Amino acid sequence: MMGKIVIDEEYCKGCGLCISFCPQKAIRVSNSVSKNGYHPAEFLDPGGECTGCALCALMCPDAAITVSRAKKAVGEKK
């Protein structure tokens, strides 16, 4: 399975819980500042390591993360 997350910057306060709990280390703090004045988390997974486990979404106190999962195409690595 290949995962993808979407972080809603309107709700993310940059607490970092999602970053701490991501087993694939596919989330980091953004350099940008949201309209609310926070450095939100951002999804960064160039290697496609995210499995869609949803630990990040479960740990987010503001419900700012949506997780989706898709099957990998035939022949696609890992």
PDB file of N, CA and C in Angstrom:
ATOM      1  N   MET A   1       0.832  -1.186   0.000  1.00  0.00           N
ATOM      2  CA  MET A   1       0.000   0.000   0.000  1.00  0.00           C
ATOM      3  C   MET A   1       0.875   1.247   0.000  1.00  0.00           C
ATOM      4  N   MET A   2       0.377   2.241  -0.657  1.00  0.00           N
ATOM      5  CA  MET A   2       1.061   3.521  -0.700  1.00  0.00           C
ATOM      6  C   MET A   2       0.140   4.547  -0.059  1.00  0.00           C
ATOM      7  N   GLY A   3       0.667   5.321   0.852  1.00  0.00           N
ATOM      8  CA  GLY A   3      -0.144   6.293   1.554  1.00  0.00           C
ATOM      9  C   GLY A   3       0.157   7.717   1.135  1.00  0.00           C
ATOM     10  N   LYS A   4      -0.782   8.570   1.457  1.00  0.00           N
ATOM     11  CA  LYS A   4      -0.622  10.000   1.225  1.00  0.00           C
ATOM     12  C   LYS A   4      -1.422  10.706   2.299  1.00  0.00           C
ATOM     13  N   ILE A   5      -0.871  11.787   2.817  1.00  0.00           N
ATOM     14  CA  ILE A   5      -1.622  12.569   3.790  1.00  0.00           C
ATOM     15  C   ILE A   5      -1.771  13.992   3.293  1.00  0.00           C
ATOM     16  N   VAL A   6      -2.843  14.613   3.742  1.00  0.00           N
ATOM     17  CA  VAL A   6      -3.095  16.018   3.460  1.00  0.00           C
ATOM     18  C   VAL A   6      -3.253  16.702   4.813  1.00  0.00           C
ATOM     19  N   ILE A   7      -2.501  17.759   5.017  1.00  0.00           N
ATOM     20  CA  ILE A   7      -2.546  18.503   6.274  1.00  0.00           C
ATOM     21  C   ILE A   7      -3.236  19.830   6.018  1.00  0.00           C
ATOM     22  N   ASP A   8      -4.317  20.076   6.731  1.00  0.00           N
ATOM     23  CA  ASP A   8      -5.083  21.315   6.583  1.00  0.00           C
ATOM     24  C   ASP A   8      -4.404  22.409   7.400  1.00  0.00           C
ATOM     25  N   GLU A   9      -3.738  23.328   6.717  1.00  0.00           N
ATOM     26  CA  GLU A   9      -2.990  24.395   7.388  1.00  0.00           C
ATOM     27  C   GLU A   9      -3.880  25.308   8.223  1.00  0.00           C
ATOM     28  N   GLU A  10      -5.154  25.352   7.915  1.00  0.00           N
ATOM     29  CA  GLU A  10      -6.077  26.198   8.678  1.00  0.00           C
ATOM     30  C   GLU A  10      -6.215  25.694  10.121  1.00  0.00           C
ATOM     31  N   TYR A  11      -6.061  24.378  10.311  1.00  0.00           N
ATOM     32  CA  TYR A  11      -6.230  23.785  11.630  1.00  0.00           C
ATOM     33  C   TYR A  11      -4.920  23.380  12.300  1.00  0.00           C
ATOM     34  N   CYS A  12      -3.862  23.136  11.526  1.00  0.00           N
ATOM     35  CA  CYS A  12      -2.588  22.684  12.087  1.00  0.00           C
ATOM     36  C   CYS A  12      -1.901  23.815  12.853  1.00  0.00           C
ATOM     37  N   LYS A  13      -1.515  23.513  14.105  1.00  0.00           N
ATOM     38  CA  LYS A  13      -0.826  24.495  14.941  1.00  0.00           C
ATOM     39  C   LYS A  13       0.663  24.207  15.051  1.00  0.00           C
ATOM     40  N   GLY A  14       1.134  23.200  14.297  1.00  0.00           N
ATOM     41  CA  GLY A  14       2.559  22.890  14.307  1.00  0.00           C
ATOM     42  C   GLY A  14       3.052  22.290  15.610  1.00  0.00           C
ATOM     43  N   CYS A  15       2.214  21.529  16.297  1.00  0.00           N
ATOM     44  CA  CYS A  15       2.604  20.956  17.594  1.00  0.00           C
ATOM     45  C   CYS A  15       3.683  19.886  17.451  1.00  0.00           C
ATOM     46  N   GLY A  16       3.738  19.221  16.290  1.00  0.00           N
ATOM     47  CA  GLY A  16       4.779  18.232  16.034  1.00  0.00           C
ATOM     48  C   GLY A  16       4.459  16.808  16.446  1.00  0.00           C
ATOM     49  N   LEU A  17       3.267  16.561  16.991  1.00  0.00           N
ATOM     50  CA  LEU A  17       2.932  15.191  17.382  1.00  0.00           C
ATOM     51  C   LEU A  17       2.945  14.244  16.192  1.00  0.00           C
ATOM     52  N   CYS A  18       2.423  14.685  15.066  1.00  0.00           N
ATOM     53  CA  CYS A  18       2.405  13.832  13.872  1.00  0.00           C
ATOM     54  C   CYS A  18       3.825  13.493  13.435  1.00  0.00           C
ATOM     55  N   ILE A  19       4.724  14.442  13.552  1.00  0.00           N
ATOM     56  CA  ILE A  19       6.122  14.237  13.174  1.00  0.00           C
ATOM     57  C   ILE A  19       6.755  13.185  14.089  1.00  0.00           C
ATOM     58  N   SER A  20       6.485  13.286  15.379  1.00  0.00           N
ATOM     59  CA  SER A  20       7.045  12.359  16.353  1.00  0.00           C
ATOM     60  C   SER A  20       6.569  10.924  16.148  1.00  0.00           C
ATOM     61  N   PHE A  21       5.321  10.757  15.732  1.00  0.00           N
ATOM     62  CA  PHE A  21       4.743   9.424  15.628  1.00  0.00           C
ATOM     63  C   PHE A  21       4.842   8.799  14.246  1.00  0.00           C
ATOM     64  N   CYS A  22       5.279   9.537  13.235  1.00  0.00           N
ATOM     65  CA  CYS A  22       5.370   8.977  11.885  1.00  0.00           C
ATOM     66  C   CYS A  22       6.531   7.984  11.810  1.00  0.00           C
ATOM     67  N   PRO A  23       6.237   6.688  11.617  1.00  0.00           N
ATOM     68  CA  PRO A  23       7.317   5.699  11.571  1.00  0.00           C
ATOM     69  C   PRO A  23       8.198   5.830  10.329  1.00  0.00           C
ATOM     70  N   GLN A  24       7.687   6.480   9.288  1.00  0.00           N
ATOM     71  CA  GLN A  24       8.454   6.632   8.048  1.00  0.00           C
ATOM     72  C   GLN A  24       9.183   7.971   7.970  1.00  0.00           C
ATOM     73  N   LYS A  25       8.976   8.824   8.957  1.00  0.00           N
ATOM     74  CA  LYS A  25       9.595  10.165   8.985  1.00  0.00           C
ATOM     75  C   LYS A  25       9.268  10.942   7.710  1.00  0.00           C
ATOM     76  N   ALA A  26       7.993  10.910   7.327  1.00  0.00           N
ATOM     77  CA  ALA A  26       7.546  11.548   6.089  1.00  0.00           C
ATOM     78  C   ALA A  26       6.871  12.896   6.331  1.00  0.00           C
ATOM     79  N   ILE A  27       6.977  13.423   7.543  1.00  0.00           N
ATOM     80  CA  ILE A  27       6.360  14.701   7.885  1.00  0.00           C
ATOM     81  C   ILE A  27       7.421  15.579   8.532  1.00  0.00           C
ATOM     82  N   ARG A  28       7.375  16.848   8.215  1.00  0.00           N
ATOM     83  CA  ARG A  28       8.313  17.790   8.841  1.00  0.00           C
ATOM     84  C   ARG A  28       7.583  19.108   9.100  1.00  0.00           C
ATOM     85  N   VAL A  29       8.248  19.994   9.827  1.00  0.00           N
ATOM     86  CA  VAL A  29       7.703  21.326  10.068  1.00  0.00           C
ATOM     87  C   VAL A  29       7.990  22.177   8.840  1.00  0.00           C
ATOM     88  N   SER A  30       6.996  22.870   8.375  1.00  0.00           N
ATOM     89  CA  SER A  30       7.138  23.722   7.196  1.00  0.00           C
ATOM     90  C   SER A  30       7.897  25.001   7.529  1.00  0.00           C
ATOM     91  N   ASN A  31       8.603  25.523   6.558  1.00  0.00           N
ATOM     92  CA  ASN A  31       9.256  26.827   6.717  1.00  0.00           C
ATOM     93  C   ASN A  31       8.261  27.963   6.559  1.00  0.00           C
ATOM     94  N   SER A  32       7.130  27.676   5.914  1.00  0.00           N
ATOM     95  CA  SER A  32       6.123  28.718   5.702  1.00  0.00           C
ATOM     96  C   SER A  32       5.303  28.935   6.967  1.00  0.00           C
ATOM     97  N   VAL A  33       4.651  30.072   7.029  1.00  0.00           N
ATOM     98  CA  VAL A  33       3.800  30.419   8.159  1.00  0.00           C
ATOM     99  C   VAL A  33       2.360  30.462   7.667  1.00  0.00           C
ATOM    100  N   SER A  34       1.474  29.817   8.413  1.00  0.00           N
ATOM    101  CA  SER A  34       0.062  29.801   8.020  1.00  0.00           C
ATOM    102  C   SER A  34      -0.577  31.158   8.311  1.00  0.00           C
ATOM    103  N   LYS A  35      -1.785  31.340   7.824  1.00  0.00           N
ATOM    104  CA  LYS A  35      -2.478  32.615   8.056  1.00  0.00           C
ATOM    105  C   LYS A  35      -2.778  32.822   9.542  1.00  0.00           C
ATOM    106  N   ASN A  36      -2.704  31.730  10.318  1.00  0.00           N
ATOM    107  CA  ASN A  36      -2.925  31.817  11.761  1.00  0.00           C
ATOM    108  C   ASN A  36      -1.628  32.067  12.536  1.00  0.00           C
ATOM    109  N   GLY A  37      -0.497  32.136  11.818  1.00  0.00           N
ATOM    110  CA  GLY A  37       0.780  32.448  12.443  1.00  0.00           C
ATOM    111  C   GLY A  37       1.584  31.252  12.916  1.00  0.00           C
ATOM    112  N   TYR A  38       1.204  30.048  12.488  1.00  0.00           N
ATOM    113  CA  TYR A  38       1.921  28.836  12.890  1.00  0.00           C
ATOM    114  C   TYR A  38       2.779  28.301  11.747  1.00  0.00           C
ATOM    115  N   HIS A  39       3.801  27.534  12.102  1.00  0.00           N
ATOM    116  CA  HIS A  39       4.567  26.766  11.123  1.00  0.00           C
ATOM    117  C   HIS A  39       3.905  25.386  11.094  1.00  0.00           C
ATOM    118  N   PRO A  40       3.044  25.126  10.121  1.00  0.00           N
ATOM    119  CA  PRO A  40       2.330  23.851  10.099  1.00  0.00           C
ATOM    120  C   PRO A  40       3.240  22.693   9.681  1.00  0.00           C
ATOM    121  N   ALA A  41       2.757  21.503   9.925  1.00  0.00           N
ATOM    122  CA  ALA A  41       3.463  20.317   9.447  1.00  0.00           C
ATOM    123  C   ALA A  41       3.252  20.216   7.943  1.00  0.00           C
ATOM    124  N   GLU A  42       4.171  19.553   7.259  1.00  0.00           N
ATOM    125  CA  GLU A  42       3.988  19.314   5.834  1.00  0.00           C
ATOM    126  C   GLU A  42       4.441  17.898   5.500  1.00  0.00           C
ATOM    127  N   PHE A  43       3.759  17.311   4.533  1.00  0.00           N
ATOM    128  CA  PHE A  43       4.051  15.959   4.077  1.00  0.00           C
ATOM    129  C   PHE A  43       5.202  16.029   3.089  1.00  0.00           C
ATOM    130  N   LEU A  44       6.243  15.267   3.349  1.00  0.00           N
ATOM    131  CA  LEU A  44       7.407  15.237   2.480  1.00  0.00           C
ATOM    132  C   LEU A  44       7.824  13.780   2.334  1.00  0.00           C
ATOM    133  N   ASP A  45       7.444  13.184   1.220  1.00  0.00           N
ATOM    134  CA  ASP A  45       7.688  11.759   1.028  1.00  0.00           C
ATOM    135  C   ASP A  45       8.122  11.473  -0.401  1.00  0.00           C
ATOM    136  N   PRO A  46       9.292  11.990  -0.813  1.00  0.00           N
ATOM    137  CA  PRO A  46       9.722  11.791  -2.200  1.00  0.00           C
ATOM    138  C   PRO A  46       9.975  10.326  -2.565  1.00  0.00           C
ATOM    139  N   GLY A  47      10.308   9.509  -1.571  1.00  0.00           N
ATOM    140  CA  GLY A  47      10.590   8.099  -1.839  1.00  0.00           C
ATOM    141  C   GLY A  47       9.366   7.205  -1.774  1.00  0.00           C
ATOM    142  N   GLY A  48       8.198   7.779  -1.472  1.00  0.00           N
ATOM    143  CA  GLY A  48       6.976   6.985  -1.405  1.00  0.00           C
ATOM    144  C   GLY A  48       6.974   5.983  -0.265  1.00  0.00           C
ATOM    145  N   GLU A  49       7.548   6.354   0.861  1.00  0.00           N
ATOM    146  CA  GLU A  49       7.649   5.454   2.010  1.00  0.00           C
ATOM    147  C   GLU A  49       6.379   5.405   2.859  1.00  0.00           C
ATOM    148  N   CYS A  50       5.520   6.397   2.751  1.00  0.00           N
ATOM    149  CA  CYS A  50       4.302   6.447   3.565  1.00  0.00           C
ATOM    150  C   CYS A  50       3.420   5.235   3.256  1.00  0.00           C
ATOM    151  N   THR A  51       3.000   4.548   4.321  1.00  0.00           N
ATOM    152  CA  THR A  51       2.160   3.362   4.159  1.00  0.00           C
ATOM    153  C   THR A  51       0.681   3.669   4.401  1.00  0.00           C
ATOM    154  N   GLY A  52       0.391   4.872   4.845  1.00  0.00           N
ATOM    155  CA  GLY A  52      -0.988   5.218   5.149  1.00  0.00           C
ATOM    156  C   GLY A  52      -1.438   4.641   6.478  1.00  0.00           C
ATOM    157  N   CYS A  53      -0.514   4.440   7.412  1.00  0.00           N
ATOM    158  CA  CYS A  53      -0.831   3.821   8.700  1.00  0.00           C
ATOM    159  C   CYS A  53      -1.780   4.674   9.543  1.00  0.00           C
ATOM    160  N   ALA A  54      -1.809   5.967   9.296  1.00  0.00           N
ATOM    161  CA  ALA A  54      -2.702   6.929   9.949  1.00  0.00           C
ATOM    162  C   ALA A  54      -2.337   7.247  11.398  1.00  0.00           C
ATOM    163  N   LEU A  55      -1.143   6.880  11.849  1.00  0.00           N
ATOM    164  CA  LEU A  55      -0.733   7.273  13.196  1.00  0.00           C
ATOM    165  C   LEU A  55      -0.711   8.793  13.338  1.00  0.00           C
ATOM    166  N   CYS A  56      -0.285   9.463  12.292  1.00  0.00           N
ATOM    167  CA  CYS A  56      -0.231  10.926  12.331  1.00  0.00           C
ATOM    168  C   CYS A  56      -1.619  11.515  12.577  1.00  0.00           C
ATOM    169  N   ALA A  57      -2.604  11.016  11.854  1.00  0.00           N
ATOM    170  CA  ALA A  57      -3.970  11.524  11.994  1.00  0.00           C
ATOM    171  C   ALA A  57      -4.555  11.183  13.360  1.00  0.00           C
ATOM    172  N   LEU A  58      -4.245   9.999  13.857  1.00  0.00           N
ATOM    173  CA  LEU A  58      -4.746   9.604  15.172  1.00  0.00           C
ATOM    174  C   LEU A  58      -4.164  10.464  16.284  1.00  0.00           C
ATOM    175  N   MET A  59      -2.926  10.899  16.137  1.00  0.00           N
ATOM    176  CA  MET A  59      -2.264  11.685  17.165  1.00  0.00           C
ATOM    177  C   MET A  59      -2.550  13.187  17.062  1.00  0.00           C
ATOM    178  N   CYS A  60      -3.070  13.634  15.932  1.00  0.00           N
ATOM    179  CA  CYS A  60      -3.308  15.066  15.729  1.00  0.00           C
ATOM    180  C   CYS A  60      -4.460  15.553  16.615  1.00  0.00           C
ATOM    181  N   PRO A  61      -4.165  16.440  17.569  1.00  0.00           N
ATOM    182  CA  PRO A  61      -5.215  16.912  18.471  1.00  0.00           C
ATOM    183  C   PRO A  61      -6.232  17.834  17.786  1.00  0.00           C
ATOM    184  N   ASP A  62      -5.897  18.328  16.608  1.00  0.00           N
ATOM    185  CA  ASP A  62      -6.791  19.256  15.911  1.00  0.00           C
ATOM    186  C   ASP A  62      -7.469  18.637  14.697  1.00  0.00           C
ATOM    187  N   ALA A  63      -7.316  17.335  14.511  1.00  0.00           N
ATOM    188  CA  ALA A  63      -7.931  16.623  13.373  1.00  0.00           C
ATOM    189  C   ALA A  63      -7.625  17.326  12.048  1.00  0.00           C
ATOM    190  N   ALA A  64      -6.373  17.714  11.867  1.00  0.00           N
ATOM    191  CA  ALA A  64      -5.969  18.466  10.683  1.00  0.00           C
ATOM    192  C   ALA A  64      -5.404  17.583   9.574  1.00  0.00           C
ATOM    193  N   ILE A  65      -5.378  16.260   9.776  1.00  0.00           N
ATOM    194  CA  ILE A  65      -4.739  15.361   8.819  1.00  0.00           C
ATOM    195  C   ILE A  65      -5.736  14.368   8.246  1.00  0.00           C
ATOM    196  N   THR A  66      -5.728  14.261   6.921  1.00  0.00           N
ATOM    197  CA  THR A  66      -6.532  13.267   6.213  1.00  0.00           C
ATOM    198  C   THR A  66      -5.571  12.290   5.554  1.00  0.00           C
ATOM    199  N   VAL A  67      -5.844  11.003   5.704  1.00  0.00           N
ATOM    200  CA  VAL A  67      -4.963   9.954   5.172  1.00  0.00           C
ATOM    201  C   VAL A  67      -5.691   9.186   4.084  1.00  0.00           C
ATOM    202  N   SER A  68      -4.973   8.902   3.000  1.00  0.00           N
ATOM    203  CA  SER A  68      -5.532   8.044   1.947  1.00  0.00           C
ATOM    204  C   SER A  68      -4.509   6.967   1.611  1.00  0.00           C
ATOM    205  N   ARG A  69      -5.019   5.837   1.151  1.00  0.00           N
ATOM    206  CA  ARG A  69      -4.146   4.720   0.784  1.00  0.00           C
ATOM    207  C   ARG A  69      -4.567   4.185  -0.571  1.00  0.00           C
ATOM    208  N   ALA A  70      -3.576   3.750  -1.335  1.00  0.00           N
ATOM    209  CA  ALA A  70      -3.845   3.163  -2.653  1.00  0.00           C
ATOM    210  C   ALA A  70      -2.890   2.007  -2.869  1.00  0.00           C
ATOM    211  N   LYS A  71      -3.325   1.055  -3.645  1.00  0.00           N
ATOM    212  CA  LYS A  71      -2.444  -0.058  -3.988  1.00  0.00           C
ATOM    213  C   LYS A  71      -1.390   0.441  -4.954  1.00  0.00           C
ATOM    214  N   LYS A  72      -0.186  -0.083  -4.819  1.00  0.00           N
ATOM    215  CA  LYS A  72       0.884   0.277  -5.743  1.00  0.00           C
ATOM    216  C   LYS A  72       0.682  -0.425  -7.062  1.00  0.00           C
ATOM    217  N   ALA A  73       1.105   0.227  -8.107  1.00  0.00           N
ATOM    218  CA  ALA A  73       0.983  -0.358  -9.443  1.00  0.00           C
ATOM    219  C   ALA A  73       1.908  -1.551  -9.580  1.00  0.00           C
ATOM    220  N   VAL A  74       1.566  -2.468 -10.437  1.00  0.00           N
ATOM    221  CA  VAL A  74       2.371  -3.669 -10.687  1.00  0.00           C
ATOM    222  C   VAL A  74       3.761  -3.218 -11.155  1.00  0.00           C
ATOM    223  N   GLY A  75       4.775  -3.794 -10.556  1.00  0.00           N
ATOM    224  CA  GLY A  75       6.141  -3.449 -10.932  1.00  0.00           C
ATOM    225  C   GLY A  75       6.714  -2.279 -10.166  1.00  0.00           C
ATOM    226  N   GLU A  76       5.887  -1.595  -9.383  1.00  0.00           N
ATOM    227  CA  GLU A  76       6.366  -0.459  -8.617  1.00  0.00           C
ATOM    228  C   GLU A  76       7.111  -0.975  -7.381  1.00  0.00           C
ATOM    229  N   LYS A  77       8.216  -0.363  -7.049  1.00  0.00           N
ATOM    230  CA  LYS A  77       9.022  -0.813  -5.916  1.00  0.00           C
ATOM    231  C   LYS A  77       8.314  -0.536  -4.608  1.00  0.00           C
ATOM    232  N   LYS A  78       8.512  -1.459  -3.669  1.00  0.00           N
ATOM    233  CA  LYS A  78       8.083  -1.343  -2.277  1.00  0.00           C
ATOM    234  C   LYS A  78       6.769  -0.692  -2.134  1.00  0.00           C
TER     235      LYS A  78
END
